[in-house]
């Protein structure tokens, strides 16, 4: 059994979970740059804007790792197609272009 068989599953899961984390604002950590302060989970701004991007990445990495770990026994008998690791993230990129279309179309 090779752990590399779950890489396409991790890539697809990470992309989908990242969209959900951003849209639902499920950040593992919040960073306040003016205060140089980190807080656990999503917190409102204190002095200036709060950065949730690091938290969204952390949420996505942990959740996609859990999905990959759960899928590891399935990959003994089933080789996930490589295209899953490319097509799903590309579809997520297109969805972000749609969500952020107001920034591009003015």
C-alpha atoms as a PDB file:
ATOM      1  CA  UNK A   1       0.000   0.000   0.000  1.00  0.00           C
ATOM      2  CA  UNK A   2       1.399   3.352  -1.028  1.00  0.00           C
ATOM      3  CA  UNK A   3       0.486   6.592   0.681  1.00  0.00           C
ATOM      4  CA  UNK A   4       0.852   8.378  -2.657  1.00  0.00           C
ATOM      5  CA  UNK A   5      -2.483   6.843  -3.692  1.00  0.00           C
ATOM      6  CA  UNK A   6      -4.332   9.267  -1.407  1.00  0.00           C
ATOM      7  CA  UNK A   7      -2.718  12.437  -2.837  1.00  0.00           C
ATOM      8  CA  UNK A   8      -5.525  13.013  -5.387  1.00  0.00           C
ATOM      9  CA  UNK A   9      -8.072  12.513  -2.619  1.00  0.00           C
ATOM     10  CA  UNK A  10      -6.232  14.998  -0.386  1.00  0.00           C
ATOM     11  CA  UNK A  11      -6.055  17.585  -3.190  1.00  0.00           C
ATOM     12  CA  UNK A  12      -9.761  17.287  -3.989  1.00  0.00           C
ATOM     13  CA  UNK A  13     -10.812  17.281  -0.331  1.00  0.00           C
ATOM     14  CA  UNK A  14      -8.568  20.264   0.478  1.00  0.00           C
ATOM     15  CA  UNK A  15     -10.046  22.326  -2.362  1.00  0.00           C
ATOM     16  CA  UNK A  16     -13.663  21.596  -1.448  1.00  0.00           C
ATOM     17  CA  UNK A  17     -13.105  22.073   2.281  1.00  0.00           C
ATOM     18  CA  UNK A  18     -11.272  25.346   1.622  1.00  0.00           C
ATOM     19  CA  UNK A  19     -14.317  26.744  -0.197  1.00  0.00           C
ATOM     20  CA  UNK A  20     -16.556  25.723   2.697  1.00  0.00           C
ATOM     21  CA  UNK A  21     -14.122  27.147   5.271  1.00  0.00           C
ATOM     22  CA  UNK A  22     -13.946  30.497   3.485  1.00  0.00           C
ATOM     23  CA  UNK A  23     -17.679  30.796   2.872  1.00  0.00           C
ATOM     24  CA  UNK A  24     -18.607  29.723   6.427  1.00  0.00           C
ATOM     25  CA  UNK A  25     -15.568  31.526   7.933  1.00  0.00           C
ATOM     26  CA  UNK A  26     -14.342  28.438   9.779  1.00  0.00           C
ATOM     27  CA  UNK A  27     -10.859  29.618  10.659  1.00  0.00           C
ATOM     28  CA  UNK A  28      -8.679  27.539  12.949  1.00  0.00           C
ATOM     29  CA  UNK A  29      -6.780  30.678  13.997  1.00  0.00           C
ATOM     30  CA  UNK A  30      -7.168  34.436  13.620  1.00  0.00           C
ATOM     31  CA  UNK A  31      -4.203  36.780  13.296  1.00  0.00           C
ATOM     32  CA  UNK A  32      -4.368  40.460  14.256  1.00  0.00           C
ATOM     33  CA  UNK A  33      -1.391  42.040  12.445  1.00  0.00           C
ATOM     34  CA  UNK A  34      -1.480  45.442  14.161  1.00  0.00           C
ATOM     35  CA  UNK A  35      -1.329  43.763  17.552  1.00  0.00           C
ATOM     36  CA  UNK A  36       0.887  40.871  16.412  1.00  0.00           C
ATOM     37  CA  UNK A  37      -1.553  38.572  18.190  1.00  0.00           C
ATOM     38  CA  UNK A  38      -2.870  35.098  17.352  1.00  0.00           C
ATOM     39  CA  UNK A  39      -6.171  33.734  18.636  1.00  0.00           C
ATOM     40  CA  UNK A  40      -7.690  30.273  18.399  1.00  0.00           C
ATOM     41  CA  UNK A  41     -10.742  29.971  16.104  1.00  0.00           C
ATOM     42  CA  UNK A  42     -12.522  32.827  14.329  1.00  0.00           C
ATOM     43  CA  UNK A  43     -12.467  36.095  16.264  1.00  0.00           C
ATOM     44  CA  UNK A  44     -13.685  39.582  15.268  1.00  0.00           C
ATOM     45  CA  UNK A  45     -11.306  42.403  14.424  1.00  0.00           C
ATOM     46  CA  UNK A  46      -9.700  44.202  17.347  1.00  0.00           C
ATOM     47  CA  UNK A  47      -7.503  47.024  16.088  1.00  0.00           C
ATOM     48  CA  UNK A  48      -7.542  46.965  12.318  1.00  0.00           C
ATOM     49  CA  UNK A  49      -8.473  44.064  10.079  1.00  0.00           C
ATOM     50  CA  UNK A  50      -8.150  40.481  11.271  1.00  0.00           C
ATOM     51  CA  UNK A  51      -6.570  37.867   9.002  1.00  0.00           C
ATOM     52  CA  UNK A  52      -8.381  34.557   8.728  1.00  0.00           C
ATOM     53  CA  UNK A  53      -6.496  33.127   5.767  1.00  0.00           C
ATOM     54  CA  UNK A  54      -4.024  31.217   7.931  1.00  0.00           C
ATOM     55  CA  UNK A  55      -6.947  29.713   9.830  1.00  0.00           C
ATOM     56  CA  UNK A  56      -8.732  28.671   6.636  1.00  0.00           C
ATOM     57  CA  UNK A  57      -5.580  26.916   5.489  1.00  0.00           C
ATOM     58  CA  UNK A  58      -5.195  25.157   8.839  1.00  0.00           C
ATOM     59  CA  UNK A  59      -8.831  24.054   8.829  1.00  0.00           C
ATOM     60  CA  UNK A  60      -8.499  22.737   5.274  1.00  0.00           C
ATOM     61  CA  UNK A  61      -5.235  20.891   5.949  1.00  0.00           C
ATOM     62  CA  UNK A  62      -6.579  19.160   9.055  1.00  0.00           C
ATOM     63  CA  UNK A  63      -9.903  18.207   7.485  1.00  0.00           C
ATOM     64  CA  UNK A  64      -8.344  17.031   4.200  1.00  0.00           C
ATOM     65  CA  UNK A  65      -5.817  14.978   6.165  1.00  0.00           C
ATOM     66  CA  UNK A  66      -8.675  13.329   8.061  1.00  0.00           C
ATOM     67  CA  UNK A  67     -10.487  12.558   4.792  1.00  0.00           C
ATOM     68  CA  UNK A  68      -7.272  11.127   3.316  1.00  0.00           C
ATOM     69  CA  UNK A  69      -6.652   9.023   6.394  1.00  0.00           C
ATOM     70  CA  UNK A  70     -10.216   7.689   6.246  1.00  0.00           C
ATOM     71  CA  UNK A  71      -9.784   6.900   2.524  1.00  0.00           C
ATOM     72  CA  UNK A  72      -6.444   5.134   2.999  1.00  0.00           C
ATOM     73  CA  UNK A  73      -7.974   1.643   3.529  1.00  0.00           C
ATOM     74  CA  UNK A  74     -10.119   2.094   0.400  1.00  0.00           C
ATOM     75  CA  UNK A  75      -7.043   2.667  -1.750  1.00  0.00           C
ATOM     76  CA  UNK A  76      -5.844  -0.901  -1.189  1.00  0.00           C
ATOM     77  CA  UNK A  77      -8.380  -2.111  -3.746  1.00  0.00           C
ATOM     78  CA  UNK A  78      -9.135   1.099  -5.622  1.00  0.00           C
ATOM     79  CA  UNK A  79      -6.723   3.475  -7.286  1.00  0.00           C
ATOM     80  CA  UNK A  80      -8.320   6.933  -7.334  1.00  0.00           C
ATOM     81  CA  UNK A  81      -8.017   8.562 -10.743  1.00  0.00           C
ATOM     82  CA  UNK A  82      -5.307  11.200 -10.922  1.00  0.00           C
ATOM     83  CA  UNK A  83      -7.663  13.661 -12.607  1.00  0.00           C
ATOM     84  CA  UNK A  84      -9.622  14.048  -9.351  1.00  0.00           C
ATOM     85  CA  UNK A  85      -6.630  15.864  -7.871  1.00  0.00           C
ATOM     86  CA  UNK A  86      -6.640  18.312 -10.812  1.00  0.00           C
ATOM     87  CA  UNK A  87     -10.237  18.759 -11.910  1.00  0.00           C
ATOM     88  CA  UNK A  88     -11.754  19.418  -8.487  1.00  0.00           C
ATOM     89  CA  UNK A  89      -9.232  22.153  -7.535  1.00  0.00           C
ATOM     90  CA  UNK A  90      -9.698  23.768 -10.964  1.00  0.00           C
ATOM     91  CA  UNK A  91     -13.473  23.788 -10.445  1.00  0.00           C
ATOM     92  CA  UNK A  92     -12.901  25.371  -7.038  1.00  0.00           C
ATOM     93  CA  UNK A  93     -10.795  28.106  -8.662  1.00  0.00           C
ATOM     94  CA  UNK A  94     -13.615  28.819 -11.100  1.00  0.00           C
ATOM     95  CA  UNK A  95     -16.093  28.951  -8.223  1.00  0.00           C
ATOM     96  CA  UNK A  96     -13.898  31.513  -6.424  1.00  0.00           C
ATOM     97  CA  UNK A  97     -13.855  33.613  -9.586  1.00  0.00           C
ATOM     98  CA  UNK A  98     -17.647  33.507  -9.459  1.00  0.00           C
ATOM     99  CA  UNK A  99     -17.799  34.362  -5.752  1.00  0.00           C
ATOM    100  CA  UNK A 100     -15.373  37.257  -6.200  1.00  0.00           C
ATOM    101  CA  UNK A 101     -16.757  38.479  -9.517  1.00  0.00           C
ATOM    102  CA  UNK A 102     -17.632  41.877  -8.036  1.00  0.00           C
ATOM    103  CA  UNK A 103     -13.889  42.561  -7.639  1.00  0.00           C
ATOM    104  CA  UNK A 104     -13.256  41.824 -11.309  1.00  0.00           C
ATOM    105  CA  UNK A 105     -16.378  43.361 -12.896  1.00  0.00           C
ATOM    106  CA  UNK A 106     -16.739  47.003 -12.019  1.00  0.00           C
END
